[in-house]
Amino acid sequence: MEGVLVRIGDVIDRVITWSEGEELERAHELKARIEDMRSGNEPFVLIVQDEDGNSAIIHPNTQKSAPIPYEDRME
C-alpha cells in the first residue's frame, strides 16, 4: 500500500519541478495529502481491481467485495 503512495508522490515531485502558478500550488497540496496518508493521518480507500486474482492486501481490517463487471469499469 505504501508503495502505491510513494509512486504517486514521486510523480507529484516531478510535476513540482516544472509547474508554476495554480498547478504548482495544487501539486504541493496533493503532496502534503499523500504524506498525511502515508503517516496515517488521513484515511483513504484503495480499490484493487485484479481480474486474475494475483493481488492482495493483507490486513485484518481489509474488506472484500465482488469484482466490478468489465462494462462498469469503462465509465
C-alpha atoms as a PDB file:
ATOM      1  CA  MET A   1       0.000   0.000   0.000  1.00  0.00           C
ATOM      2  CA  GLU A   2       2.740   2.409   0.916  1.00  0.00           C
ATOM      3  CA  GLY A   3       4.476   1.650  -2.382  1.00  0.00           C
ATOM      4  CA  VAL A   4       1.475   2.986  -4.283  1.00  0.00           C
ATOM      5  CA  LEU A   5       1.594   6.215  -2.296  1.00  0.00           C
ATOM      6  CA  VAL A   6       5.356   6.518  -2.808  1.00  0.00           C
ATOM      7  CA  ARG A   7       4.919   6.178  -6.586  1.00  0.00           C
ATOM      8  CA  ILE A   8       2.194   8.822  -6.617  1.00  0.00           C
ATOM      9  CA  GLY A   9       4.411  11.109  -4.523  1.00  0.00           C
ATOM     10  CA  ASP A  10       7.267  10.619  -6.992  1.00  0.00           C
ATOM     11  CA  VAL A  11       5.039  11.688  -9.883  1.00  0.00           C
ATOM     12  CA  ILE A  12       3.931  14.759  -7.959  1.00  0.00           C
ATOM     13  CA  ASP A  13       7.588  15.605  -7.251  1.00  0.00           C
ATOM     14  CA  ARG A  14       8.266  15.605 -10.992  1.00  0.00           C
ATOM     15  CA  VAL A  15       5.260  17.844 -11.603  1.00  0.00           C
ATOM     16  CA  ILE A  16       6.551  20.258  -8.961  1.00  0.00           C
ATOM     17  CA  THR A  17       9.858  20.639 -10.841  1.00  0.00           C
ATOM     18  CA  TRP A  18       8.238  22.094 -13.973  1.00  0.00           C
ATOM     19  CA  SER A  19       4.875  23.511 -12.924  1.00  0.00           C
ATOM     20  CA  GLU A  20       4.031  27.034 -11.837  1.00  0.00           C
ATOM     21  CA  GLY A  21       1.126  29.084 -10.557  1.00  0.00           C
ATOM     22  CA  GLU A  22      -2.059  27.284  -9.591  1.00  0.00           C
ATOM     23  CA  GLU A  23      -0.725  23.976 -10.868  1.00  0.00           C
ATOM     24  CA  LEU A  24       2.314  24.222  -8.591  1.00  0.00           C
ATOM     25  CA  GLU A  25       0.133  25.156  -5.627  1.00  0.00           C
ATOM     26  CA  ARG A  26      -2.159  22.186  -6.290  1.00  0.00           C
ATOM     27  CA  ALA A  27       0.822  19.835  -6.630  1.00  0.00           C
ATOM     28  CA  HIS A  28       2.119  20.945  -3.215  1.00  0.00           C
ATOM     29  CA  GLU A  29      -1.349  20.403  -1.711  1.00  0.00           C
ATOM     30  CA  LEU A  30      -1.523  16.891  -3.175  1.00  0.00           C
ATOM     31  CA  LYS A  31       1.999  16.101  -1.975  1.00  0.00           C
ATOM     32  CA  ALA A  32       1.060  17.118   1.579  1.00  0.00           C
ATOM     33  CA  ARG A  33      -2.073  14.978   1.393  1.00  0.00           C
ATOM     34  CA  ILE A  34      -0.105  11.951   0.193  1.00  0.00           C
ATOM     35  CA  GLU A  35       2.305  12.427   3.109  1.00  0.00           C
ATOM     36  CA  ASP A  36      -0.660  12.579   5.517  1.00  0.00           C
ATOM     37  CA  MET A  37      -1.971   9.331   4.050  1.00  0.00           C
ATOM     38  CA  ARG A  38       1.447   7.661   4.378  1.00  0.00           C
ATOM     39  CA  SER A  39       1.734   8.713   8.010  1.00  0.00           C
ATOM     40  CA  GLY A  40      -1.794   7.507   8.804  1.00  0.00           C
ATOM     41  CA  ASN A  41      -3.199  10.977   9.480  1.00  0.00           C
ATOM     42  CA  GLU A  42      -5.649  10.895   6.568  1.00  0.00           C
ATOM     43  CA  PRO A  43      -7.756   7.798   5.987  1.00  0.00           C
ATOM     44  CA  PHE A  44      -8.369   6.657   2.415  1.00  0.00           C
ATOM     45  CA  VAL A  45      -9.745   3.729   0.440  1.00  0.00           C
ATOM     46  CA  LEU A  46      -7.660   1.829  -2.101  1.00  0.00           C
ATOM     47  CA  ILE A  47      -9.651  -0.217  -4.615  1.00  0.00           C
ATOM     48  CA  VAL A  48      -7.692  -3.036  -6.243  1.00  0.00           C
ATOM     49  CA  GLN A  49      -9.250  -4.301  -9.465  1.00  0.00           C
ATOM     50  CA  ASP A  50      -7.472  -7.526 -10.319  1.00  0.00           C
ATOM     51  CA  GLU A  51      -9.397  -9.818 -12.637  1.00  0.00           C
ATOM     52  CA  ASP A  52      -6.842 -12.620 -12.317  1.00  0.00           C
ATOM     53  CA  GLY A  53      -6.743 -12.510  -8.526  1.00  0.00           C
ATOM     54  CA  ASN A  54      -2.972 -12.017  -8.308  1.00  0.00           C
ATOM     55  CA  SER A  55      -3.104  -9.049  -5.924  1.00  0.00           C
ATOM     56  CA  ALA A  56      -3.888  -8.964  -2.241  1.00  0.00           C
ATOM     57  CA  ILE A  57      -3.974  -6.522   0.636  1.00  0.00           C
ATOM     58  CA  ILE A  58      -3.131  -8.468   3.761  1.00  0.00           C
ATOM     59  CA  HIS A  59      -4.531  -6.672   6.775  1.00  0.00           C
ATOM     60  CA  PRO A  60      -7.053  -7.723   9.423  1.00  0.00           C
ATOM     61  CA  ASN A  61      -9.416  -4.842   8.515  1.00  0.00           C
ATOM     62  CA  THR A  62      -9.398  -5.449   4.765  1.00  0.00           C
ATOM     63  CA  GLN A  63     -12.877  -5.556   3.259  1.00  0.00           C
ATOM     64  CA  LYS A  64     -13.524  -7.847   0.314  1.00  0.00           C
ATOM     65  CA  SER A  65     -16.048  -7.019  -2.366  1.00  0.00           C
ATOM     66  CA  ALA A  66     -17.361  -8.588  -5.518  1.00  0.00           C
ATOM     67  CA  PRO A  67     -15.478  -7.794  -8.746  1.00  0.00           C
ATOM     68  CA  ILE A  68     -16.774  -4.856 -10.755  1.00  0.00           C
ATOM     69  CA  PRO A  69     -18.158  -6.035 -14.119  1.00  0.00           C
ATOM     70  CA  TYR A  70     -15.978  -5.055 -17.083  1.00  0.00           C
ATOM     71  CA  GLU A  71     -18.683  -2.886 -18.628  1.00  0.00           C
ATOM     72  CA  ASP A  72     -18.982  -0.790 -15.460  1.00  0.00           C
ATOM     73  CA  ARG A  73     -15.221  -0.199 -15.258  1.00  0.00           C
ATOM     74  CA  MET A  74     -15.153   1.576 -18.600  1.00  0.00           C
ATOM     75  CA  GLU A  75     -17.177   4.589 -17.387  1.00  0.00           C
END
